[in-house]
N, C-alpha and C. Protein backbone atom coordinates (compact mmCIF):
# COMPACT_ATOMS: atom_id res chain seq x y z
N MET A 1 -8.80 -10.00 -18.64
CA MET A 1 -9.08 -8.62 -18.92
C MET A 1 -7.93 -8.05 -19.74
N LEU A 2 -8.25 -7.24 -20.69
CA LEU A 2 -7.25 -6.67 -21.58
C LEU A 2 -6.20 -5.86 -20.81
N GLY A 3 -6.64 -5.17 -19.77
CA GLY A 3 -5.69 -4.39 -18.96
C GLY A 3 -4.58 -5.24 -18.39
N SER A 4 -4.89 -6.47 -17.98
CA SER A 4 -3.87 -7.33 -17.38
C SER A 4 -2.83 -7.75 -18.41
N ILE A 5 -3.24 -7.88 -19.66
CA ILE A 5 -2.30 -8.25 -20.72
C ILE A 5 -1.26 -7.13 -20.90
N TYR A 6 -1.72 -5.89 -20.91
CA TYR A 6 -0.79 -4.76 -21.03
C TYR A 6 0.07 -4.59 -19.78
N ILE A 7 -0.52 -4.74 -18.62
CA ILE A 7 0.23 -4.55 -17.37
C ILE A 7 1.36 -5.58 -17.26
N ALA A 8 1.04 -6.83 -17.58
CA ALA A 8 2.04 -7.90 -17.44
C ALA A 8 2.90 -8.08 -18.68
N GLY A 9 2.45 -7.55 -19.81
CA GLY A 9 3.19 -7.75 -21.05
C GLY A 9 3.12 -9.20 -21.49
N ARG A 10 1.91 -9.71 -21.69
CA ARG A 10 1.72 -11.11 -22.06
C ARG A 10 1.15 -11.24 -23.46
N GLN A 11 1.14 -12.48 -23.94
CA GLN A 11 0.55 -12.85 -25.22
C GLN A 11 1.10 -12.01 -26.38
N GLY A 12 2.40 -11.77 -26.33
CA GLY A 12 3.06 -11.04 -27.40
C GLY A 12 2.86 -9.53 -27.36
N VAL A 13 2.18 -9.03 -26.35
CA VAL A 13 1.95 -7.59 -26.20
C VAL A 13 3.01 -7.03 -25.27
N PRO A 14 3.75 -6.01 -25.71
CA PRO A 14 4.77 -5.43 -24.82
C PRO A 14 4.12 -4.78 -23.59
N GLN A 15 4.83 -4.85 -22.49
CA GLN A 15 4.31 -4.25 -21.26
C GLN A 15 4.11 -2.75 -21.46
N ASN A 16 2.94 -2.27 -21.05
CA ASN A 16 2.61 -0.85 -21.15
C ASN A 16 1.67 -0.54 -19.99
N LEU A 17 2.25 -0.03 -18.90
CA LEU A 17 1.46 0.21 -17.69
C LEU A 17 0.36 1.25 -17.92
N GLN A 18 0.66 2.28 -18.71
CA GLN A 18 -0.34 3.32 -18.95
C GLN A 18 -1.54 2.77 -19.73
N ALA A 19 -1.28 1.97 -20.74
CA ALA A 19 -2.37 1.38 -21.53
C ALA A 19 -3.17 0.41 -20.66
N GLY A 20 -2.48 -0.39 -19.86
CA GLY A 20 -3.17 -1.32 -18.98
C GLY A 20 -4.06 -0.59 -17.98
N ALA A 21 -3.53 0.48 -17.40
CA ALA A 21 -4.31 1.28 -16.46
C ALA A 21 -5.52 1.89 -17.15
N ALA A 22 -5.35 2.36 -18.37
CA ALA A 22 -6.47 2.96 -19.11
C ALA A 22 -7.58 1.94 -19.33
N TRP A 23 -7.23 0.71 -19.69
CA TRP A 23 -8.24 -0.33 -19.90
C TRP A 23 -8.94 -0.70 -18.59
N TYR A 24 -8.17 -0.80 -17.52
CA TYR A 24 -8.78 -1.10 -16.22
C TYR A 24 -9.71 0.03 -15.78
N CYS A 25 -9.27 1.28 -15.99
CA CYS A 25 -10.11 2.42 -15.62
C CYS A 25 -11.43 2.41 -16.38
N LEU A 26 -11.36 2.06 -17.65
CA LEU A 26 -12.58 1.98 -18.46
C LEU A 26 -13.52 0.91 -17.91
N ALA A 27 -12.99 -0.25 -17.61
CA ALA A 27 -13.81 -1.33 -17.05
C ALA A 27 -14.37 -0.94 -15.68
N ALA A 28 -13.56 -0.24 -14.89
CA ALA A 28 -14.00 0.20 -13.56
C ALA A 28 -15.15 1.20 -13.68
N GLU A 29 -15.04 2.11 -14.62
CA GLU A 29 -16.10 3.10 -14.81
C GLU A 29 -17.39 2.45 -15.27
N TYR A 30 -17.30 1.31 -15.94
CA TYR A 30 -18.49 0.58 -16.36
C TYR A 30 -19.02 -0.35 -15.26
N GLY A 31 -18.38 -0.33 -14.09
CA GLY A 31 -18.93 -1.04 -12.95
C GLY A 31 -18.32 -2.36 -12.58
N SER A 32 -17.23 -2.77 -13.21
CA SER A 32 -16.60 -4.04 -12.86
C SER A 32 -15.93 -3.92 -11.49
N ALA A 33 -16.40 -4.71 -10.52
CA ALA A 33 -15.83 -4.67 -9.17
C ALA A 33 -14.36 -5.09 -9.19
N GLU A 34 -14.02 -6.09 -9.98
CA GLU A 34 -12.63 -6.53 -10.07
C GLU A 34 -11.74 -5.40 -10.60
N ALA A 35 -12.20 -4.74 -11.65
CA ALA A 35 -11.43 -3.62 -12.22
C ALA A 35 -11.35 -2.47 -11.23
N GLN A 36 -12.41 -2.19 -10.50
CA GLN A 36 -12.39 -1.12 -9.52
C GLN A 36 -11.34 -1.40 -8.45
N TYR A 37 -11.27 -2.64 -8.01
CA TYR A 37 -10.26 -3.02 -7.02
C TYR A 37 -8.86 -2.82 -7.59
N ILE A 38 -8.64 -3.27 -8.82
CA ILE A 38 -7.31 -3.15 -9.43
C ILE A 38 -6.94 -1.69 -9.66
N VAL A 39 -7.91 -0.87 -10.07
CA VAL A 39 -7.63 0.57 -10.24
C VAL A 39 -7.22 1.18 -8.90
N GLY A 40 -7.85 0.75 -7.82
CA GLY A 40 -7.43 1.20 -6.50
C GLY A 40 -5.98 0.84 -6.22
N LEU A 41 -5.59 -0.38 -6.58
CA LEU A 41 -4.20 -0.80 -6.40
C LEU A 41 -3.26 0.01 -7.27
N LEU A 42 -3.68 0.28 -8.51
CA LEU A 42 -2.83 1.04 -9.43
C LEU A 42 -2.56 2.44 -8.88
N PHE A 43 -3.61 3.12 -8.40
CA PHE A 43 -3.43 4.46 -7.84
C PHE A 43 -2.63 4.40 -6.54
N SER A 44 -2.84 3.37 -5.76
CA SER A 44 -2.11 3.23 -4.51
C SER A 44 -0.61 3.11 -4.74
N ASN A 45 -0.24 2.40 -5.80
CA ASN A 45 1.18 2.14 -6.08
C ASN A 45 1.76 3.00 -7.19
N GLY A 46 0.94 3.83 -7.83
CA GLY A 46 1.44 4.67 -8.92
C GLY A 46 1.88 3.87 -10.13
N LEU A 47 1.13 2.83 -10.48
CA LEU A 47 1.46 1.99 -11.63
C LEU A 47 0.59 2.38 -12.83
N GLY A 48 1.18 3.06 -13.77
CA GLY A 48 0.46 3.47 -14.98
C GLY A 48 -0.39 4.71 -14.79
N VAL A 49 -0.51 5.16 -13.56
CA VAL A 49 -1.24 6.38 -13.20
C VAL A 49 -0.44 7.08 -12.11
N PRO A 50 -0.67 8.37 -11.93
CA PRO A 50 0.06 9.04 -10.84
C PRO A 50 -0.37 8.47 -9.48
N GLN A 51 0.59 8.27 -8.59
CA GLN A 51 0.26 7.79 -7.25
C GLN A 51 -0.63 8.82 -6.58
N ASP A 52 -1.64 8.34 -5.88
CA ASP A 52 -2.62 9.22 -5.25
C ASP A 52 -3.07 8.56 -3.96
N ASP A 53 -3.18 9.32 -2.89
CA ASP A 53 -3.58 8.74 -1.61
C ASP A 53 -5.09 8.61 -1.46
N ALA A 54 -5.87 9.49 -2.12
CA ALA A 54 -7.32 9.49 -1.95
C ALA A 54 -8.04 8.58 -2.95
N LYS A 55 -7.55 8.48 -4.17
CA LYS A 55 -8.25 7.71 -5.20
C LYS A 55 -8.38 6.22 -4.89
N PRO A 56 -7.40 5.60 -4.23
CA PRO A 56 -7.61 4.18 -3.90
C PRO A 56 -8.85 3.97 -3.04
N ALA A 57 -9.10 4.84 -2.08
CA ALA A 57 -10.27 4.69 -1.22
C ALA A 57 -11.56 4.79 -2.04
N LEU A 58 -11.58 5.68 -3.00
CA LEU A 58 -12.75 5.82 -3.87
C LEU A 58 -13.02 4.52 -4.62
N TRP A 59 -11.99 3.97 -5.26
CA TRP A 59 -12.16 2.77 -6.07
C TRP A 59 -12.35 1.52 -5.22
N PHE A 60 -11.60 1.42 -4.11
CA PHE A 60 -11.83 0.29 -3.21
C PHE A 60 -13.26 0.34 -2.66
N GLY A 61 -13.74 1.55 -2.39
CA GLY A 61 -15.09 1.70 -1.88
C GLY A 61 -16.14 1.22 -2.87
N LYS A 62 -15.97 1.56 -4.14
CA LYS A 62 -16.92 1.11 -5.17
C LYS A 62 -16.92 -0.41 -5.28
N ALA A 63 -15.73 -0.99 -5.26
CA ALA A 63 -15.62 -2.45 -5.35
C ALA A 63 -16.15 -3.12 -4.08
N ALA A 64 -15.84 -2.54 -2.93
CA ALA A 64 -16.29 -3.10 -1.65
C ALA A 64 -17.81 -3.11 -1.56
N GLU A 65 -18.43 -2.06 -2.04
CA GLU A 65 -19.90 -1.99 -2.02
C GLU A 65 -20.52 -3.12 -2.85
N GLN A 66 -19.78 -3.59 -3.84
CA GLN A 66 -20.27 -4.69 -4.67
C GLN A 66 -19.87 -6.06 -4.12
N GLY A 67 -19.23 -6.06 -2.94
CA GLY A 67 -18.90 -7.31 -2.29
C GLY A 67 -17.51 -7.85 -2.56
N ASN A 68 -16.64 -7.07 -3.20
CA ASN A 68 -15.28 -7.54 -3.45
C ASN A 68 -14.53 -7.64 -2.12
N VAL A 69 -14.21 -8.85 -1.72
CA VAL A 69 -13.64 -9.10 -0.41
C VAL A 69 -12.27 -8.44 -0.23
N ASP A 70 -11.45 -8.45 -1.27
CA ASP A 70 -10.12 -7.82 -1.15
C ASP A 70 -10.24 -6.31 -1.00
N ALA A 71 -11.20 -5.72 -1.70
CA ALA A 71 -11.43 -4.28 -1.57
C ALA A 71 -11.96 -3.94 -0.18
N GLN A 72 -12.82 -4.80 0.36
CA GLN A 72 -13.32 -4.57 1.71
C GLN A 72 -12.18 -4.58 2.71
N PHE A 73 -11.26 -5.52 2.55
CA PHE A 73 -10.11 -5.60 3.45
C PHE A 73 -9.22 -4.36 3.31
N LYS A 74 -8.91 -3.98 2.09
CA LYS A 74 -8.06 -2.80 1.86
C LYS A 74 -8.71 -1.55 2.45
N LEU A 75 -10.00 -1.39 2.19
CA LEU A 75 -10.71 -0.21 2.68
C LEU A 75 -10.73 -0.19 4.21
N GLY A 76 -10.94 -1.34 4.82
CA GLY A 76 -10.89 -1.41 6.27
C GLY A 76 -9.54 -0.98 6.81
N GLY A 77 -8.48 -1.41 6.14
CA GLY A 77 -7.13 -0.99 6.55
C GLY A 77 -6.90 0.49 6.38
N MET A 78 -7.44 1.06 5.30
CA MET A 78 -7.27 2.50 5.07
C MET A 78 -7.97 3.31 6.16
N TYR A 79 -9.17 2.88 6.53
CA TYR A 79 -9.88 3.59 7.61
C TYR A 79 -9.16 3.42 8.94
N TYR A 80 -8.54 2.28 9.15
CA TYR A 80 -7.82 2.06 10.40
C TYR A 80 -6.61 2.98 10.52
N THR A 81 -5.85 3.11 9.42
CA THR A 81 -4.63 3.92 9.46
C THR A 81 -4.85 5.38 9.11
N GLY A 82 -6.00 5.69 8.49
CA GLY A 82 -6.24 7.06 8.04
C GLY A 82 -5.50 7.37 6.76
N SER A 83 -5.20 6.36 5.99
CA SER A 83 -4.47 6.53 4.72
C SER A 83 -5.45 6.88 3.60
N GLY A 84 -5.45 8.13 3.15
CA GLY A 84 -6.31 8.57 2.06
C GLY A 84 -7.73 8.88 2.48
N VAL A 85 -8.06 8.59 3.73
CA VAL A 85 -9.38 8.87 4.32
C VAL A 85 -9.16 9.33 5.76
N SER A 86 -10.19 9.90 6.35
CA SER A 86 -10.10 10.24 7.77
C SER A 86 -10.14 8.94 8.58
N ARG A 87 -9.30 8.86 9.58
CA ARG A 87 -9.27 7.67 10.43
C ARG A 87 -10.66 7.48 11.06
N ASP A 88 -11.17 6.27 10.95
CA ASP A 88 -12.51 5.98 11.47
C ASP A 88 -12.53 4.50 11.85
N TYR A 89 -12.39 4.23 13.13
CA TYR A 89 -12.33 2.84 13.58
C TYR A 89 -13.64 2.10 13.37
N GLY A 90 -14.76 2.81 13.42
CA GLY A 90 -16.05 2.18 13.16
C GLY A 90 -16.16 1.70 11.72
N GLN A 91 -15.78 2.55 10.77
CA GLN A 91 -15.78 2.16 9.36
C GLN A 91 -14.78 1.03 9.12
N SER A 92 -13.64 1.14 9.77
CA SER A 92 -12.63 0.09 9.63
C SER A 92 -13.20 -1.26 10.07
N ALA A 93 -13.83 -1.27 11.23
CA ALA A 93 -14.39 -2.51 11.75
C ALA A 93 -15.48 -3.05 10.83
N MET A 94 -16.32 -2.16 10.31
CA MET A 94 -17.40 -2.60 9.44
C MET A 94 -16.86 -3.30 8.20
N TRP A 95 -15.86 -2.69 7.54
CA TRP A 95 -15.33 -3.28 6.31
C TRP A 95 -14.52 -4.53 6.60
N LEU A 96 -13.75 -4.52 7.67
CA LEU A 96 -13.00 -5.73 8.02
C LEU A 96 -13.95 -6.87 8.36
N ARG A 97 -15.04 -6.55 9.04
CA ARG A 97 -16.01 -7.58 9.40
C ARG A 97 -16.67 -8.16 8.15
N LYS A 98 -17.00 -7.29 7.18
CA LYS A 98 -17.59 -7.78 5.93
C LYS A 98 -16.63 -8.74 5.22
N ALA A 99 -15.35 -8.37 5.19
CA ALA A 99 -14.36 -9.23 4.55
C ALA A 99 -14.19 -10.53 5.35
N ALA A 100 -14.13 -10.41 6.66
CA ALA A 100 -13.96 -11.59 7.51
C ALA A 100 -15.14 -12.55 7.36
N ASP A 101 -16.33 -11.99 7.25
CA ASP A 101 -17.52 -12.83 7.08
C ASP A 101 -17.50 -13.62 5.77
N GLN A 102 -16.72 -13.13 4.81
CA GLN A 102 -16.58 -13.85 3.53
C GLN A 102 -15.38 -14.79 3.54
N GLY A 103 -14.75 -14.92 4.69
CA GLY A 103 -13.64 -15.87 4.81
C GLY A 103 -12.27 -15.29 4.55
N HIS A 104 -12.12 -13.97 4.50
CA HIS A 104 -10.81 -13.35 4.26
C HIS A 104 -9.95 -13.52 5.51
N ALA A 105 -8.92 -14.35 5.40
CA ALA A 105 -8.12 -14.74 6.56
C ALA A 105 -7.43 -13.54 7.23
N ALA A 106 -6.88 -12.62 6.46
CA ALA A 106 -6.18 -11.48 7.05
C ALA A 106 -7.17 -10.58 7.80
N ALA A 107 -8.37 -10.41 7.27
CA ALA A 107 -9.39 -9.62 7.96
C ALA A 107 -9.79 -10.31 9.27
N GLN A 108 -9.92 -11.62 9.22
CA GLN A 108 -10.24 -12.37 10.43
C GLN A 108 -9.14 -12.19 11.47
N PHE A 109 -7.90 -12.22 11.02
CA PHE A 109 -6.77 -12.03 11.93
C PHE A 109 -6.82 -10.63 12.55
N CYS A 110 -7.05 -9.61 11.73
CA CYS A 110 -7.10 -8.23 12.25
C CYS A 110 -8.18 -8.08 13.31
N LEU A 111 -9.35 -8.64 13.04
CA LEU A 111 -10.42 -8.56 14.03
C LEU A 111 -10.07 -9.37 15.28
N GLY A 112 -9.40 -10.49 15.10
CA GLY A 112 -8.96 -11.27 16.25
C GLY A 112 -7.99 -10.51 17.12
N VAL A 113 -7.07 -9.79 16.50
CA VAL A 113 -6.13 -8.96 17.26
C VAL A 113 -6.89 -7.90 18.04
N ASP A 114 -7.89 -7.30 17.40
CA ASP A 114 -8.68 -6.30 18.10
C ASP A 114 -9.38 -6.90 19.31
N TYR A 115 -10.01 -8.04 19.12
CA TYR A 115 -10.72 -8.66 20.24
C TYR A 115 -9.75 -9.03 21.37
N ARG A 116 -8.56 -9.44 21.00
CA ARG A 116 -7.57 -9.84 22.01
C ARG A 116 -7.00 -8.64 22.76
N TYR A 117 -6.64 -7.58 22.00
CA TYR A 117 -5.92 -6.46 22.61
C TYR A 117 -6.76 -5.20 22.76
N GLY A 118 -8.02 -5.22 22.28
CA GLY A 118 -8.90 -4.08 22.47
C GLY A 118 -8.41 -2.82 21.81
N MET A 119 -8.15 -2.90 20.51
CA MET A 119 -7.61 -1.74 19.79
C MET A 119 -8.67 -0.71 19.40
N GLY A 120 -9.94 -0.94 19.71
CA GLY A 120 -10.94 0.07 19.46
C GLY A 120 -11.89 -0.20 18.33
N LEU A 121 -11.66 -1.25 17.55
CA LEU A 121 -12.50 -1.47 16.38
C LEU A 121 -13.92 -1.87 16.74
N ARG A 122 -14.12 -2.65 17.76
CA ARG A 122 -15.45 -3.18 18.05
C ARG A 122 -16.48 -2.09 18.26
N CYS A 123 -16.11 -1.02 18.92
CA CYS A 123 -17.09 0.01 19.24
C CYS A 123 -16.85 1.28 18.44
N GLY A 124 -15.91 1.26 17.54
CA GLY A 124 -15.61 2.46 16.76
C GLY A 124 -14.97 3.54 17.61
N MET A 125 -14.26 3.15 18.65
CA MET A 125 -13.64 4.11 19.55
C MET A 125 -12.14 4.15 19.32
N GLU A 126 -11.55 5.21 19.80
CA GLU A 126 -10.10 5.30 19.74
C GLU A 126 -9.49 4.20 20.61
N PRO A 127 -8.29 3.72 20.26
CA PRO A 127 -7.66 2.70 21.10
C PRO A 127 -7.55 3.18 22.54
N ASN A 128 -7.73 2.26 23.47
CA ASN A 128 -7.57 2.47 24.91
C ASN A 128 -8.63 3.38 25.51
N GLN A 129 -9.72 3.72 24.79
CA GLN A 129 -10.78 4.53 25.35
C GLN A 129 -11.83 3.69 26.04
N ARG A 130 -11.92 2.42 25.69
CA ARG A 130 -12.93 1.58 26.30
C ARG A 130 -12.54 1.26 27.72
N GLN A 131 -13.53 1.10 28.56
CA GLN A 131 -13.25 0.70 29.93
C GLN A 131 -12.84 -0.76 29.94
N LYS A 132 -11.86 -1.04 30.71
CA LYS A 132 -11.41 -2.43 30.85
C LYS A 132 -12.30 -3.11 31.87
N LYS A 133 -12.68 -4.34 31.55
CA LYS A 133 -13.48 -5.11 32.50
C LYS A 133 -12.55 -5.73 33.52
N GLY A 134 -12.90 -5.59 34.76
CA GLY A 134 -12.02 -6.06 35.79
C GLY A 134 -12.49 -7.29 36.39
């Protein structure tokens, strides 16, 4: 993708984060799931665009809906922590499960921790609200 050439400064092109972000944004607006995921990362880290807490969720969401496993994982984490979105353990579990079902190891680990320690993801409840089985 042309955006990656500008971001990394490769193939004789000087690094230009703003130009790279502009190319990725264009590809994202045209529906590229990969570009949507990268635009989410760019806004999350303030690379070539102003850092923004809400825009990553928007772009990760678009990519996640198209099946981008990394975006599904990121979005699940955002819902878990409430970063840029309202905290929602049910949404977190749904996106982490989608990523885990595609073989995303970190998502599988997160769900495993939940199952082990009962952090609330399975039922979309706040941590420690579920009744413990005795």
